Every structure is written in C-alpha cells, then in structure tokens.
Amino acid sequence: AAGQRGVGLRTVGDFLRMGLANVLEARALVQTALETSPSVPTLLAGYSMAGQMAAHAAASLDVDVPVVAMAPSDEASAVFCDGPLSKRVDFQALGPDSKERLTELLKQLRVTRQLVPSSKRRAVVVTSKDGIVPPSAMQAIARHWDVTPTSLETGHLGAYALHGAALRDAIVRLLD
C-alpha cells in the first residue's frame, strides 16, 4: 500500500483487503487447477494467518478440495487485539473505543461463522503451547469442522521451525 514500510500494514482496511485478496486468490487458484489439471491433486493449506485464510477459502468453495489449517486462529482478534501482536496496533490512532470496535469487527470474520468446508478431507493442526494463537482458537475450528486435531507439543514458531515433517504429514494424509 502507498506509504507502507516493511511488512507492517498501515490501516485496518489494508489488513482486511489483504485477507480478502488472499481468500479470493486461493479460490481462483483452486478453480484454475481443477479446470486445467483435474488429475493433479489440489489441496489448500496454510500456517497461522494463512491457515485461517485457507479455512475461509475452503468454506467458500463448493468443490471437494482438502484443506489443512495449521495453527490457525478462529478469529484474528485473539491475535491482534488480545495477543502479543496487539502491541503493534496503534489503537490510539483508531480513535475512541478502537480496541473494542476492532475486536467486534474481527469477531464477525470468525472461521466458525462460515460453512464447514464441503470436503470431508479437512484437518486442523493445533500447537498446545502457542503464545501467538490461543490453542482454544485453533480447537474451535476443529470442533466446528468435526475433526480430531493433530496436536503438536510446541509453540507457534516451534511448530513451523522444528516440526515441518508433522505439518507435511498432515497434508500428505489428506492427499492419500
């Protein structure tokens, strides 16, 4: 976005547009893959916020596409309004009652408010000692999808950095 420095987004609107663009792009890629290469396995997967976006994209598709949401938050407010990343949000610049208003806005975008993905091949990976995404926010998606989560006894960054094989295994299981 204009005036943006580094990876930090300047506005809440930029954040919401980025999420929407991610979901729309994932949907377009799935549709294109299924149309152009129907014999090639297609799957949606993502880690952390990308896991949340993969969950949203899968819920909005009416085709059988497996989805693996790894360390996803049911709602972004748990991370950006209450969690450690809330220190990066300039609530003062957003005006009076901004934290409460942003929390309510982001709660409207919960994964658990969406339809369950049409594919029966869906999985959630939960990290039990996560300091970024509350494990309860990950488990909420697993309950909503009626799946038993794959649990990793590590934190948010530890799962990504040290348990890549477990994350890949979750994907491979759904492709079999």
N, C-alpha and C. Protein backbone atom coordinates (compact mmCIF):
# COMPACT_ATOMS: atom_id res chain seq x y z
N ALA A 1 0.84 -1.18 0.00
CA ALA A 1 0.00 0.00 0.00
C ALA A 1 0.88 1.24 0.00
N ALA A 2 0.36 2.32 -0.50
CA ALA A 2 1.11 3.58 -0.55
C ALA A 2 1.54 3.99 0.85
N GLY A 3 2.79 4.32 1.01
CA GLY A 3 3.31 4.78 2.29
C GLY A 3 3.68 3.68 3.26
N GLN A 4 3.48 2.44 2.88
CA GLN A 4 3.79 1.32 3.77
C GLN A 4 5.29 1.10 3.80
N ARG A 5 5.81 0.84 5.00
CA ARG A 5 7.22 0.49 5.17
C ARG A 5 7.31 -0.92 5.71
N GLY A 6 8.07 -1.76 5.05
CA GLY A 6 8.25 -3.12 5.52
C GLY A 6 6.96 -3.93 5.44
N VAL A 7 6.83 -4.88 6.36
CA VAL A 7 5.67 -5.77 6.32
C VAL A 7 4.48 -5.25 7.12
N GLY A 8 4.67 -4.25 7.94
CA GLY A 8 3.57 -3.71 8.75
C GLY A 8 2.56 -2.97 7.90
N LEU A 9 1.30 -3.37 8.00
CA LEU A 9 0.25 -2.69 7.25
C LEU A 9 -0.11 -1.38 7.93
N ARG A 10 -0.49 -0.41 7.14
CA ARG A 10 -0.77 0.92 7.69
C ARG A 10 -2.16 1.04 8.27
N THR A 11 -3.15 0.36 7.70
CA THR A 11 -4.53 0.56 8.14
C THR A 11 -5.25 -0.76 8.35
N VAL A 12 -6.32 -0.70 9.11
CA VAL A 12 -7.19 -1.86 9.29
C VAL A 12 -7.79 -2.25 7.93
N GLY A 13 -8.14 -1.25 7.13
CA GLY A 13 -8.68 -1.53 5.80
C GLY A 13 -7.70 -2.31 4.95
N ASP A 14 -6.41 -1.96 5.01
CA ASP A 14 -5.39 -2.71 4.27
C ASP A 14 -5.34 -4.16 4.75
N PHE A 15 -5.45 -4.34 6.06
CA PHE A 15 -5.43 -5.69 6.64
C PHE A 15 -6.63 -6.51 6.12
N LEU A 16 -7.80 -5.92 6.12
CA LEU A 16 -9.00 -6.62 5.66
C LEU A 16 -8.93 -6.91 4.16
N ARG A 17 -8.46 -5.94 3.39
CA ARG A 17 -8.31 -6.16 1.94
C ARG A 17 -7.29 -7.25 1.65
N MET A 18 -6.21 -7.30 2.42
CA MET A 18 -5.21 -8.35 2.24
C MET A 18 -5.82 -9.72 2.48
N GLY A 19 -6.60 -9.86 3.54
CA GLY A 19 -7.25 -11.14 3.83
C GLY A 19 -8.21 -11.55 2.74
N LEU A 20 -9.04 -10.60 2.29
CA LEU A 20 -9.99 -10.89 1.22
C LEU A 20 -9.26 -11.28 -0.06
N ALA A 21 -8.20 -10.55 -0.40
CA ALA A 21 -7.43 -10.88 -1.60
C ALA A 21 -6.84 -12.27 -1.51
N ASN A 22 -6.37 -12.65 -0.32
CA ASN A 22 -5.80 -13.97 -0.12
C ASN A 22 -6.84 -15.06 -0.36
N VAL A 23 -8.02 -14.87 0.19
CA VAL A 23 -9.10 -15.86 0.02
C VAL A 23 -9.52 -15.95 -1.45
N LEU A 24 -9.70 -14.80 -2.10
CA LEU A 24 -10.11 -14.80 -3.50
C LEU A 24 -9.04 -15.43 -4.39
N GLU A 25 -7.78 -15.14 -4.10
CA GLU A 25 -6.70 -15.74 -4.88
C GLU A 25 -6.66 -17.25 -4.69
N ALA A 26 -6.82 -17.72 -3.46
CA ALA A 26 -6.83 -19.17 -3.21
C ALA A 26 -7.97 -19.83 -3.97
N ARG A 27 -9.15 -19.22 -3.94
CA ARG A 27 -10.30 -19.77 -4.68
C ARG A 27 -10.01 -19.84 -6.18
N ALA A 28 -9.43 -18.77 -6.72
CA ALA A 28 -9.12 -18.73 -8.16
C ALA A 28 -8.07 -19.78 -8.52
N LEU A 29 -7.07 -19.95 -7.67
CA LEU A 29 -6.04 -20.95 -7.94
C LEU A 29 -6.63 -22.36 -7.91
N VAL A 30 -7.50 -22.63 -6.95
CA VAL A 30 -8.15 -23.95 -6.88
C VAL A 30 -8.98 -24.19 -8.13
N GLN A 31 -9.81 -23.23 -8.50
CA GLN A 31 -10.66 -23.39 -9.69
C GLN A 31 -9.82 -23.62 -10.93
N THR A 32 -8.75 -22.84 -11.09
CA THR A 32 -7.87 -22.99 -12.25
C THR A 32 -7.20 -24.36 -12.25
N ALA A 33 -6.71 -24.79 -11.10
CA ALA A 33 -6.05 -26.10 -11.01
C ALA A 33 -7.03 -27.22 -11.36
N LEU A 34 -8.25 -27.14 -10.86
CA LEU A 34 -9.23 -28.19 -11.13
C LEU A 34 -9.65 -28.21 -12.60
N GLU A 35 -9.72 -27.04 -13.22
CA GLU A 35 -10.12 -26.96 -14.63
C GLU A 35 -8.99 -27.37 -15.58
N THR A 36 -7.78 -26.96 -15.28
CA THR A 36 -6.67 -27.21 -16.21
C THR A 36 -5.94 -28.52 -15.97
N SER A 37 -5.95 -28.99 -14.74
CA SER A 37 -5.23 -30.23 -14.41
C SER A 37 -6.06 -31.07 -13.44
N PRO A 38 -7.21 -31.58 -13.88
CA PRO A 38 -8.10 -32.28 -12.95
C PRO A 38 -7.51 -33.54 -12.33
N SER A 39 -6.48 -34.12 -12.94
CA SER A 39 -5.90 -35.34 -12.37
C SER A 39 -4.80 -35.04 -11.35
N VAL A 40 -4.39 -33.79 -11.23
CA VAL A 40 -3.35 -33.41 -10.27
C VAL A 40 -4.01 -33.08 -8.94
N PRO A 41 -3.55 -33.70 -7.84
CA PRO A 41 -4.15 -33.41 -6.54
C PRO A 41 -4.06 -31.92 -6.19
N THR A 42 -5.16 -31.38 -5.71
CA THR A 42 -5.22 -29.98 -5.31
C THR A 42 -5.65 -29.92 -3.85
N LEU A 43 -4.98 -29.10 -3.08
CA LEU A 43 -5.24 -29.00 -1.66
C LEU A 43 -4.98 -27.58 -1.21
N LEU A 44 -5.73 -27.11 -0.23
CA LEU A 44 -5.48 -25.82 0.41
C LEU A 44 -4.80 -26.07 1.75
N ALA A 45 -3.74 -25.34 2.01
CA ALA A 45 -3.05 -25.47 3.29
C ALA A 45 -2.42 -24.14 3.63
N GLY A 46 -2.32 -23.87 4.90
CA GLY A 46 -1.66 -22.66 5.34
C GLY A 46 -1.31 -22.73 6.80
N TYR A 47 -0.35 -21.92 7.19
CA TYR A 47 0.11 -21.89 8.56
C TYR A 47 -0.20 -20.53 9.17
N SER A 48 -0.75 -20.52 10.36
CA SER A 48 -1.06 -19.31 11.11
C SER A 48 -2.15 -18.52 10.39
N MET A 49 -1.91 -17.27 10.03
CA MET A 49 -2.95 -16.49 9.35
C MET A 49 -3.29 -17.12 8.00
N ALA A 50 -2.29 -17.69 7.33
CA ALA A 50 -2.55 -18.36 6.05
C ALA A 50 -3.42 -19.60 6.27
N GLY A 51 -3.32 -20.24 7.44
CA GLY A 51 -4.21 -21.36 7.76
C GLY A 51 -5.64 -20.89 7.94
N GLN A 52 -5.79 -19.72 8.57
CA GLN A 52 -7.13 -19.14 8.72
C GLN A 52 -7.70 -18.79 7.34
N MET A 53 -6.88 -18.22 6.46
CA MET A 53 -7.35 -17.86 5.12
C MET A 53 -7.68 -19.10 4.30
N ALA A 54 -6.88 -20.18 4.45
CA ALA A 54 -7.17 -21.44 3.76
C ALA A 54 -8.52 -21.98 4.24
N ALA A 55 -8.79 -21.86 5.53
CA ALA A 55 -10.08 -22.31 6.08
C ALA A 55 -11.23 -21.51 5.49
N HIS A 56 -11.07 -20.19 5.40
CA HIS A 56 -12.11 -19.35 4.81
C HIS A 56 -12.32 -19.70 3.34
N ALA A 57 -11.23 -19.87 2.60
CA ALA A 57 -11.34 -20.21 1.17
C ALA A 57 -12.04 -21.54 0.99
N ALA A 58 -11.66 -22.55 1.76
CA ALA A 58 -12.28 -23.87 1.63
C ALA A 58 -13.76 -23.82 1.95
N ALA A 59 -14.14 -23.04 2.95
CA ALA A 59 -15.55 -22.94 3.33
C ALA A 59 -16.38 -22.28 2.24
N SER A 60 -15.74 -21.45 1.42
CA SER A 60 -16.49 -20.72 0.40
C SER A 60 -16.52 -21.45 -0.95
N LEU A 61 -15.85 -22.59 -1.03
CA LEU A 61 -15.85 -23.38 -2.27
C LEU A 61 -16.92 -24.46 -2.20
N ASP A 62 -17.50 -24.77 -3.34
CA ASP A 62 -18.49 -25.87 -3.35
C ASP A 62 -17.92 -27.11 -4.03
N VAL A 63 -16.60 -27.22 -4.08
CA VAL A 63 -15.94 -28.38 -4.67
C VAL A 63 -15.16 -29.12 -3.59
N ASP A 64 -14.87 -30.37 -3.85
CA ASP A 64 -14.17 -31.22 -2.89
C ASP A 64 -12.67 -30.95 -2.95
N VAL A 65 -12.22 -30.02 -2.13
CA VAL A 65 -10.80 -29.70 -2.04
C VAL A 65 -10.38 -29.88 -0.59
N PRO A 66 -9.44 -30.80 -0.35
CA PRO A 66 -8.96 -30.97 1.03
C PRO A 66 -8.36 -29.66 1.55
N VAL A 67 -8.42 -29.51 2.87
CA VAL A 67 -7.86 -28.30 3.49
C VAL A 67 -7.19 -28.68 4.81
N VAL A 68 -5.98 -28.14 5.00
CA VAL A 68 -5.25 -28.31 6.24
C VAL A 68 -4.97 -26.92 6.80
N ALA A 69 -5.58 -26.61 7.92
CA ALA A 69 -5.34 -25.35 8.62
C ALA A 69 -4.39 -25.63 9.77
N MET A 70 -3.20 -25.07 9.67
CA MET A 70 -2.16 -25.34 10.67
C MET A 70 -1.96 -24.11 11.55
N ALA A 71 -2.14 -24.29 12.84
CA ALA A 71 -2.01 -23.21 13.82
C ALA A 71 -2.84 -21.98 13.44
N PRO A 72 -4.10 -22.21 13.02
CA PRO A 72 -4.93 -21.07 12.63
C PRO A 72 -5.68 -20.51 13.82
N SER A 73 -6.03 -19.25 13.75
CA SER A 73 -6.90 -18.68 14.76
C SER A 73 -8.32 -18.64 14.20
N ASP A 74 -9.28 -18.98 15.02
CA ASP A 74 -10.68 -18.86 14.61
C ASP A 74 -11.00 -17.42 14.28
N GLU A 75 -10.42 -16.52 15.04
CA GLU A 75 -10.68 -15.09 14.83
C GLU A 75 -9.39 -14.30 15.04
N ALA A 76 -9.18 -13.33 14.18
CA ALA A 76 -7.96 -12.53 14.24
C ALA A 76 -7.88 -11.66 15.48
N SER A 77 -9.01 -11.37 16.12
CA SER A 77 -8.96 -10.51 17.30
C SER A 77 -8.17 -11.15 18.44
N ALA A 78 -8.17 -12.49 18.50
CA ALA A 78 -7.40 -13.18 19.54
C ALA A 78 -5.91 -12.89 19.41
N VAL A 79 -5.47 -12.62 18.20
CA VAL A 79 -4.05 -12.36 17.94
C VAL A 79 -3.74 -10.87 17.95
N PHE A 80 -4.57 -10.07 17.25
CA PHE A 80 -4.24 -8.67 17.04
C PHE A 80 -4.83 -7.71 18.07
N CYS A 81 -5.83 -8.14 18.82
CA CYS A 81 -6.42 -7.26 19.84
C CYS A 81 -6.06 -7.69 21.25
N ASP A 82 -5.87 -9.00 21.45
CA ASP A 82 -5.62 -9.51 22.80
C ASP A 82 -4.24 -10.13 22.96
N GLY A 83 -3.66 -10.63 21.88
CA GLY A 83 -2.39 -11.35 21.95
C GLY A 83 -1.18 -10.45 21.84
N PRO A 84 -0.01 -11.06 21.70
CA PRO A 84 1.23 -10.29 21.68
C PRO A 84 1.33 -9.32 20.50
N LEU A 85 0.65 -9.61 19.39
CA LEU A 85 0.71 -8.70 18.24
C LEU A 85 -0.13 -7.44 18.46
N SER A 86 -0.92 -7.41 19.51
CA SER A 86 -1.70 -6.20 19.80
C SER A 86 -0.79 -5.01 20.10
N LYS A 87 0.44 -5.28 20.49
CA LYS A 87 1.40 -4.20 20.75
C LYS A 87 1.78 -3.47 19.47
N ARG A 88 1.52 -4.09 18.32
CA ARG A 88 1.85 -3.49 17.03
C ARG A 88 0.68 -2.68 16.45
N VAL A 89 -0.47 -2.70 17.13
CA VAL A 89 -1.64 -1.98 16.65
C VAL A 89 -1.70 -0.63 17.37
N ASP A 90 -1.79 0.44 16.60
CA ASP A 90 -1.88 1.78 17.18
C ASP A 90 -3.35 2.10 17.45
N PHE A 91 -3.85 1.59 18.57
CA PHE A 91 -5.27 1.77 18.91
C PHE A 91 -5.61 3.25 19.07
N GLN A 92 -4.67 4.05 19.56
CA GLN A 92 -4.93 5.48 19.74
C GLN A 92 -5.25 6.15 18.41
N ALA A 93 -4.55 5.75 17.36
CA ALA A 93 -4.79 6.35 16.04
C ALA A 93 -6.16 5.97 15.48
N LEU A 94 -6.72 4.88 16.01
CA LEU A 94 -8.03 4.41 15.52
C LEU A 94 -9.19 5.12 16.21
N GLY A 95 -8.91 5.89 17.25
CA GLY A 95 -9.97 6.66 17.90
C GLY A 95 -10.53 6.01 19.14
N PRO A 96 -11.55 6.65 19.74
CA PRO A 96 -12.14 6.16 20.99
C PRO A 96 -12.73 4.76 20.82
N ASP A 97 -12.61 3.96 21.84
CA ASP A 97 -13.15 2.60 21.87
C ASP A 97 -12.65 1.75 20.71
N SER A 98 -11.47 2.07 20.17
CA SER A 98 -10.99 1.39 18.98
C SER A 98 -10.72 -0.09 19.21
N LYS A 99 -10.18 -0.44 20.37
CA LYS A 99 -9.88 -1.84 20.62
C LYS A 99 -11.16 -2.66 20.65
N GLU A 100 -12.18 -2.15 21.30
CA GLU A 100 -13.46 -2.85 21.38
C GLU A 100 -14.11 -2.96 19.99
N ARG A 101 -14.05 -1.87 19.22
CA ARG A 101 -14.66 -1.88 17.89
C ARG A 101 -13.92 -2.83 16.95
N LEU A 102 -12.58 -2.82 17.01
CA LEU A 102 -11.80 -3.72 16.16
C LEU A 102 -12.03 -5.18 16.56
N THR A 103 -12.11 -5.42 17.86
CA THR A 103 -12.39 -6.78 18.33
C THR A 103 -13.72 -7.27 17.78
N GLU A 104 -14.74 -6.46 17.88
CA GLU A 104 -16.07 -6.85 17.36
C GLU A 104 -16.05 -7.06 15.85
N LEU A 105 -15.36 -6.19 15.13
CA LEU A 105 -15.26 -6.35 13.68
C LEU A 105 -14.60 -7.67 13.32
N LEU A 106 -13.48 -7.96 13.95
CA LEU A 106 -12.74 -9.18 13.62
C LEU A 106 -13.49 -10.43 14.06
N LYS A 107 -14.27 -10.34 15.12
CA LYS A 107 -15.08 -11.49 15.54
C LYS A 107 -16.15 -11.84 14.51
N GLN A 108 -16.57 -10.86 13.73
CA GLN A 108 -17.54 -11.13 12.67
C GLN A 108 -16.94 -12.01 11.57
N LEU A 109 -15.62 -12.05 11.51
CA LEU A 109 -14.93 -12.79 10.46
C LEU A 109 -14.39 -14.13 10.94
N ARG A 110 -14.96 -14.65 12.01
CA ARG A 110 -14.52 -15.94 12.56
C ARG A 110 -14.71 -17.07 11.54
N VAL A 111 -13.80 -18.02 11.55
CA VAL A 111 -13.93 -19.21 10.71
C VAL A 111 -15.18 -19.98 11.10
N THR A 112 -15.49 -20.02 12.39
CA THR A 112 -16.64 -20.80 12.86
C THR A 112 -17.98 -20.17 12.48
N ARG A 113 -17.97 -18.98 11.90
CA ARG A 113 -19.20 -18.39 11.36
C ARG A 113 -19.45 -18.83 9.92
N GLN A 114 -18.42 -19.46 9.32
CA GLN A 114 -18.52 -19.91 7.93
C GLN A 114 -19.10 -21.32 7.88
N LEU A 115 -19.52 -21.71 6.70
CA LEU A 115 -19.94 -23.09 6.50
C LEU A 115 -18.74 -24.00 6.70
N VAL A 116 -19.02 -25.25 7.06
CA VAL A 116 -17.96 -26.24 7.13
C VAL A 116 -17.56 -26.56 5.68
N PRO A 117 -16.25 -26.65 5.39
CA PRO A 117 -15.85 -26.97 4.01
C PRO A 117 -16.57 -28.21 3.49
N SER A 118 -16.92 -28.19 2.21
CA SER A 118 -17.69 -29.30 1.64
C SER A 118 -16.90 -30.60 1.61
N SER A 119 -15.58 -30.51 1.52
CA SER A 119 -14.76 -31.72 1.50
C SER A 119 -14.75 -32.36 2.89
N LYS A 120 -14.85 -33.67 2.91
CA LYS A 120 -14.72 -34.41 4.18
C LYS A 120 -13.25 -34.53 4.57
N ARG A 121 -12.36 -34.23 3.64
CA ARG A 121 -10.92 -34.31 3.90
C ARG A 121 -10.46 -32.94 4.39
N ARG A 122 -10.53 -32.76 5.70
CA ARG A 122 -10.13 -31.50 6.31
C ARG A 122 -9.42 -31.82 7.63
N ALA A 123 -8.47 -30.99 7.97
CA ALA A 123 -7.68 -31.22 9.17
C ALA A 123 -7.26 -29.90 9.79
N VAL A 124 -7.05 -29.95 11.10
CA VAL A 124 -6.57 -28.79 11.85
C VAL A 124 -5.37 -29.26 12.66
N VAL A 125 -4.29 -28.52 12.59
CA VAL A 125 -3.11 -28.79 13.41
C VAL A 125 -3.08 -27.74 14.52
N VAL A 126 -2.98 -28.21 15.74
CA VAL A 126 -3.01 -27.34 16.92
C VAL A 126 -1.66 -27.41 17.63
N THR A 127 -1.13 -26.26 17.99
CA THR A 127 0.06 -26.22 18.82
C THR A 127 -0.39 -25.93 20.26
N SER A 128 0.05 -26.75 21.17
CA SER A 128 -0.50 -26.71 22.53
C SER A 128 0.07 -25.61 23.41
N LYS A 129 1.25 -25.12 23.10
CA LYS A 129 1.89 -24.12 23.96
C LYS A 129 2.06 -22.81 23.21
N ASP A 130 1.10 -22.49 22.39
CA ASP A 130 1.21 -21.36 21.47
C ASP A 130 1.06 -20.03 22.19
N GLY A 131 2.02 -19.14 21.98
CA GLY A 131 1.96 -17.81 22.58
C GLY A 131 1.41 -16.76 21.62
N ILE A 132 1.18 -17.12 20.37
CA ILE A 132 0.65 -16.18 19.38
C ILE A 132 -0.84 -16.42 19.17
N VAL A 133 -1.21 -17.65 18.84
CA VAL A 133 -2.61 -18.02 18.63
C VAL A 133 -3.05 -18.90 19.80
N PRO A 134 -4.07 -18.50 20.54
CA PRO A 134 -4.51 -19.33 21.66
C PRO A 134 -4.94 -20.72 21.17
N PRO A 135 -4.46 -21.79 21.79
CA PRO A 135 -4.88 -23.13 21.38
C PRO A 135 -6.40 -23.28 21.32
N SER A 136 -7.13 -22.59 22.20
CA SER A 136 -8.60 -22.68 22.17
C SER A 136 -9.16 -22.14 20.85
N ALA A 137 -8.50 -21.15 20.25
CA ALA A 137 -8.95 -20.60 18.97
C ALA A 137 -8.72 -21.59 17.83
N MET A 138 -7.68 -22.41 17.96
CA MET A 138 -7.44 -23.46 16.96
C MET A 138 -8.43 -24.60 17.15
N GLN A 139 -8.64 -24.99 18.41
CA GLN A 139 -9.54 -26.10 18.71
C GLN A 139 -10.99 -25.77 18.34
N ALA A 140 -11.36 -24.50 18.36
CA ALA A 140 -12.72 -24.10 17.97
C ALA A 140 -12.98 -24.47 16.51
N ILE A 141 -11.97 -24.29 15.66
CA ILE A 141 -12.13 -24.67 14.25
C ILE A 141 -12.27 -26.18 14.14
N ALA A 142 -11.45 -26.93 14.84
CA ALA A 142 -11.52 -28.39 14.80
C ALA A 142 -12.91 -28.88 15.23
N ARG A 143 -13.46 -28.29 16.29
CA ARG A 143 -14.82 -28.67 16.73
C ARG A 143 -15.84 -28.32 15.66
N HIS A 144 -15.74 -27.13 15.09
CA HIS A 144 -16.68 -26.68 14.05
C HIS A 144 -16.64 -27.61 12.84
N TRP A 145 -15.44 -28.07 12.49
CA TRP A 145 -15.27 -28.96 11.34
C TRP A 145 -15.51 -30.43 11.71
N ASP A 146 -15.72 -30.71 12.98
CA ASP A 146 -15.92 -32.07 13.47
C ASP A 146 -14.74 -32.98 13.10
N VAL A 147 -13.53 -32.49 13.41
CA VAL A 147 -12.32 -33.27 13.18
C VAL A 147 -11.52 -33.35 14.47
N THR A 148 -10.74 -34.41 14.58
CA THR A 148 -9.81 -34.54 15.70
C THR A 148 -8.52 -33.84 15.29
N PRO A 149 -8.12 -32.82 16.02
CA PRO A 149 -6.93 -32.08 15.61
C PRO A 149 -5.66 -32.90 15.81
N THR A 150 -4.69 -32.64 14.97
CA THR A 150 -3.34 -33.14 15.19
C THR A 150 -2.69 -32.16 16.15
N SER A 151 -2.23 -32.66 17.27
CA SER A 151 -1.64 -31.78 18.28
C SER A 151 -0.13 -31.89 18.28
N LEU A 152 0.52 -30.75 18.36
CA LEU A 152 1.97 -30.68 18.48
C LEU A 152 2.30 -30.03 19.82
N GLU A 153 3.17 -30.67 20.57
CA GLU A 153 3.56 -30.16 21.89
C GLU A 153 4.67 -29.13 21.73
N THR A 154 4.30 -27.99 21.19
CA THR A 154 5.27 -26.93 20.96
C THR A 154 4.52 -25.61 20.84
N GLY A 155 5.25 -24.56 20.60
CA GLY A 155 4.66 -23.25 20.41
C GLY A 155 4.49 -22.92 18.94
N HIS A 156 4.06 -21.70 18.67
CA HIS A 156 3.75 -21.26 17.31
C HIS A 156 4.96 -21.33 16.39
N LEU A 157 6.04 -20.72 16.79
CA LEU A 157 7.24 -20.72 15.96
C LEU A 157 7.94 -22.08 15.98
N GLY A 158 7.87 -22.77 17.10
CA GLY A 158 8.49 -24.09 17.21
C GLY A 158 7.88 -25.10 16.24
N ALA A 159 6.58 -25.04 16.06
CA ALA A 159 5.93 -25.96 15.13
C ALA A 159 6.43 -25.73 13.72
N TYR A 160 6.53 -24.49 13.34
CA TYR A 160 6.96 -24.15 11.98
C TYR A 160 8.44 -24.48 11.78
N ALA A 161 9.26 -24.13 12.77
CA ALA A 161 10.70 -24.30 12.62
C ALA A 161 11.19 -25.72 12.88
N LEU A 162 10.53 -26.43 13.80
CA LEU A 162 11.06 -27.72 14.24
C LEU A 162 10.20 -28.93 13.89
N HIS A 163 8.97 -28.70 13.47
CA HIS A 163 8.06 -29.84 13.22
C HIS A 163 7.51 -29.83 11.80
N GLY A 164 8.35 -29.46 10.86
CA GLY A 164 7.93 -29.42 9.46
C GLY A 164 7.43 -30.76 8.96
N ALA A 165 8.04 -31.85 9.43
CA ALA A 165 7.62 -33.19 9.00
C ALA A 165 6.18 -33.47 9.43
N ALA A 166 5.82 -33.06 10.64
CA ALA A 166 4.45 -33.28 11.11
C ALA A 166 3.45 -32.46 10.29
N LEU A 167 3.84 -31.26 9.93
CA LEU A 167 2.97 -30.42 9.12
C LEU A 167 2.80 -31.03 7.72
N ARG A 168 3.91 -31.47 7.13
CA ARG A 168 3.82 -32.11 5.81
C ARG A 168 3.01 -33.40 5.88
N ASP A 169 3.16 -34.16 6.96
CA ASP A 169 2.40 -35.41 7.11
C ASP A 169 0.89 -35.15 7.13
N ALA A 170 0.48 -34.05 7.76
CA ALA A 170 -0.95 -33.71 7.79
C ALA A 170 -1.46 -33.47 6.37
N ILE A 171 -0.64 -32.85 5.54
CA ILE A 171 -1.02 -32.61 4.15
C ILE A 171 -1.06 -33.92 3.37
N VAL A 172 -0.03 -34.72 3.50
CA VAL A 172 0.07 -35.99 2.76
C VAL A 172 -1.10 -36.91 3.12
N ARG A 173 -1.48 -36.95 4.40
CA ARG A 173 -2.61 -37.81 4.83
C ARG A 173 -3.88 -37.46 4.07
N LEU A 174 -4.12 -36.19 3.84
CA LEU A 174 -5.34 -35.79 3.15
C LEU A 174 -5.28 -36.05 1.65
N LEU A 175 -4.08 -36.12 1.11
CA LEU A 175 -3.96 -36.38 -0.32
C LEU A 175 -4.06 -37.86 -0.66
N ASP A 176 -3.82 -38.73 0.32
CA ASP A 176 -3.93 -40.19 0.09
C ASP A 176 -5.36 -40.61 -0.10
